Amino acid sequence: MKLKAPCRGEPTLRLAAKATESVTAVTVGLYVAEIVPATATTTGDDCFRDFEQLAEPYQVRLNAPLGNRGLVGASGASAVTRG
């Protein structure tokens, strides 16, 4: 994902998705993969904010199909309602 310039004086946090699998569930969450320090050339008004990355799609590859396992977020709350 190509990022816009960060806000003035702020570093850019590059997020990545991670899946942890068990026999009964798959947990998917985001983590900070890289911190890019702020530079003197960062912009001010039309700047990128790290929380905008939360709305971006992320891909994870599972070792086995999801099947009947539950899909939960990093907080442990169900991420998918079946039915």
C-alpha atoms as a PDB file:
ATOM      1  CA  MET A   1       0.000   0.000   0.000  1.00  0.00           C
ATOM      2  CA  LYS A   2       1.421   3.390  -0.991  1.00  0.00           C
ATOM      3  CA  LEU A   3       0.992   5.889   1.810  1.00  0.00           C
ATOM      4  CA  LYS A   4       0.341   9.611   1.607  1.00  0.00           C
ATOM      5  CA  ALA A   5       2.670  11.908   3.531  1.00  0.00           C
ATOM      6  CA  PRO A   6       2.202  11.726   7.322  1.00  0.00           C
ATOM      7  CA  CYS A   7       1.014  14.692   9.350  1.00  0.00           C
ATOM      8  CA  ARG A   8       3.625  17.280  10.312  1.00  0.00           C
ATOM      9  CA  GLY A   9       5.944  16.011  13.030  1.00  0.00           C
ATOM     10  CA  GLU A  10       4.399  12.551  13.207  1.00  0.00           C
ATOM     11  CA  PRO A  11       6.003   9.237  12.272  1.00  0.00           C
ATOM     12  CA  THR A  12       4.250   6.886   9.884  1.00  0.00           C
ATOM     13  CA  LEU A  13       3.166   3.545  11.293  1.00  0.00           C
ATOM     14  CA  ARG A  14       2.959   0.806   8.666  1.00  0.00           C
ATOM     15  CA  LEU A  15       0.491  -1.856   9.739  1.00  0.00           C
ATOM     16  CA  ALA A  16       0.325  -5.501   8.692  1.00  0.00           C
ATOM     17  CA  ALA A  17      -2.166  -8.285   9.362  1.00  0.00           C
ATOM     18  CA  LYS A  18      -1.350 -11.460  11.259  1.00  0.00           C
ATOM     19  CA  ALA A  19      -3.383 -14.643  11.673  1.00  0.00           C
ATOM     20  CA  THR A  20      -2.902 -17.082  14.557  1.00  0.00           C
ATOM     21  CA  GLU A  21      -4.519 -20.482  14.094  1.00  0.00           C
ATOM     22  CA  SER A  22      -5.734 -23.141  16.502  1.00  0.00           C
ATOM     23  CA  VAL A  23      -7.935 -26.204  16.055  1.00  0.00           C
ATOM     24  CA  THR A  24     -11.079 -24.242  17.012  1.00  0.00           C
ATOM     25  CA  ALA A  25     -10.405 -20.639  15.957  1.00  0.00           C
ATOM     26  CA  VAL A  26      -8.429 -18.240  13.808  1.00  0.00           C
ATOM     27  CA  THR A  27      -7.479 -14.903  15.345  1.00  0.00           C
ATOM     28  CA  VAL A  28      -6.773 -12.031  12.976  1.00  0.00           C
ATOM     29  CA  GLY A  29      -5.329  -8.703  14.040  1.00  0.00           C
ATOM     30  CA  LEU A  30      -3.140  -5.812  12.950  1.00  0.00           C
ATOM     31  CA  TYR A  31       0.302  -4.994  14.277  1.00  0.00           C
ATOM     32  CA  VAL A  32       2.843  -2.239  13.683  1.00  0.00           C
ATOM     33  CA  ALA A  33       5.265  -3.705  11.134  1.00  0.00           C
ATOM     34  CA  GLU A  34       7.406  -0.594  10.714  1.00  0.00           C
ATOM     35  CA  ILE A  35       7.748   2.894  12.175  1.00  0.00           C
ATOM     36  CA  VAL A  36       9.057   5.499   9.741  1.00  0.00           C
ATOM     37  CA  PRO A  37      10.324   8.564  11.647  1.00  0.00           C
ATOM     38  CA  ALA A  38       8.923  12.001  10.850  1.00  0.00           C
ATOM     39  CA  THR A  39      10.994  14.158   8.548  1.00  0.00           C
ATOM     40  CA  ALA A  40      11.253  17.885   7.943  1.00  0.00           C
ATOM     41  CA  THR A  41       9.412  17.398   4.648  1.00  0.00           C
ATOM     42  CA  THR A  42       6.169  16.094   6.132  1.00  0.00           C
ATOM     43  CA  THR A  43       3.112  18.042   5.037  1.00  0.00           C
ATOM     44  CA  GLY A  44       0.433  19.678   7.103  1.00  0.00           C
ATOM     45  CA  ASP A  45      -3.142  19.858   5.839  1.00  0.00           C
ATOM     46  CA  ASP A  46      -3.825  16.943   3.488  1.00  0.00           C
ATOM     47  CA  CYS A  47      -1.857  14.476   5.535  1.00  0.00           C
ATOM     48  CA  PHE A  48      -2.233  10.766   6.102  1.00  0.00           C
ATOM     49  CA  ARG A  49      -3.260   9.583   9.518  1.00  0.00           C
ATOM     50  CA  ASP A  50      -2.340   6.101  10.678  1.00  0.00           C
ATOM     51  CA  PHE A  51      -5.912   5.225  11.647  1.00  0.00           C
ATOM     52  CA  GLU A  52      -6.856   5.430   7.931  1.00  0.00           C
ATOM     53  CA  GLN A  53      -4.984   2.137   7.502  1.00  0.00           C
ATOM     54  CA  LEU A  54      -7.620   0.399   9.637  1.00  0.00           C
ATOM     55  CA  ALA A  55     -10.116   0.720   6.770  1.00  0.00           C
ATOM     56  CA  GLU A  56      -7.714  -0.772   4.207  1.00  0.00           C
ATOM     57  CA  PRO A  57      -8.083  -4.423   3.162  1.00  0.00           C
ATOM     58  CA  TYR A  58      -5.395  -6.803   4.418  1.00  0.00           C
ATOM     59  CA  GLN A  59      -4.686 -10.335   3.294  1.00  0.00           C
ATOM     60  CA  VAL A  60      -3.596 -13.244   5.447  1.00  0.00           C
ATOM     61  CA  ARG A  61      -2.823 -16.786   4.334  1.00  0.00           C
ATOM     62  CA  LEU A  62      -4.051 -19.612   6.536  1.00  0.00           C
ATOM     63  CA  ASN A  63      -2.248 -22.919   6.886  1.00  0.00           C
ATOM     64  CA  ALA A  64      -5.588 -24.728   6.496  1.00  0.00           C
ATOM     65  CA  PRO A  65      -9.074 -23.686   5.325  1.00  0.00           C
ATOM     66  CA  LEU A  66     -11.150 -21.844   7.922  1.00  0.00           C
ATOM     67  CA  GLY A  67     -13.784 -24.595   7.812  1.00  0.00           C
ATOM     68  CA  ASN A  68     -15.829 -24.735  11.040  1.00  0.00           C
ATOM     69  CA  ARG A  69     -13.291 -22.789  13.081  1.00  0.00           C
ATOM     70  CA  GLY A  70     -14.438 -19.475  14.506  1.00  0.00           C
ATOM     71  CA  LEU A  71     -12.934 -16.241  13.194  1.00  0.00           C
ATOM     72  CA  VAL A  72     -12.139 -13.758  15.957  1.00  0.00           C
ATOM     73  CA  GLY A  73     -10.412 -10.395  16.148  1.00  0.00           C
ATOM     74  CA  ALA A  74      -7.341  -9.671  18.237  1.00  0.00           C
ATOM     75  CA  SER A  75      -9.592  -8.671  21.165  1.00  0.00           C
ATOM     76  CA  GLY A  76     -11.187 -12.134  21.139  1.00  0.00           C
ATOM     77  CA  ALA A  77     -14.569 -10.855  19.916  1.00  0.00           C
ATOM     78  CA  SER A  78     -16.220 -12.785  17.098  1.00  0.00           C
ATOM     79  CA  ALA A  79     -15.389 -11.220  13.753  1.00  0.00           C
ATOM     80  CA  VAL A  80     -18.006 -13.136  11.777  1.00  0.00           C
ATOM     81  CA  THR A  81     -21.592 -13.939  12.621  1.00  0.00           C
ATOM     82  CA  ARG A  82     -22.771 -17.171  11.060  1.00  0.00           C
ATOM     83  CA  GLY A  83     -26.346 -17.875  10.191  1.00  0.00           C
END
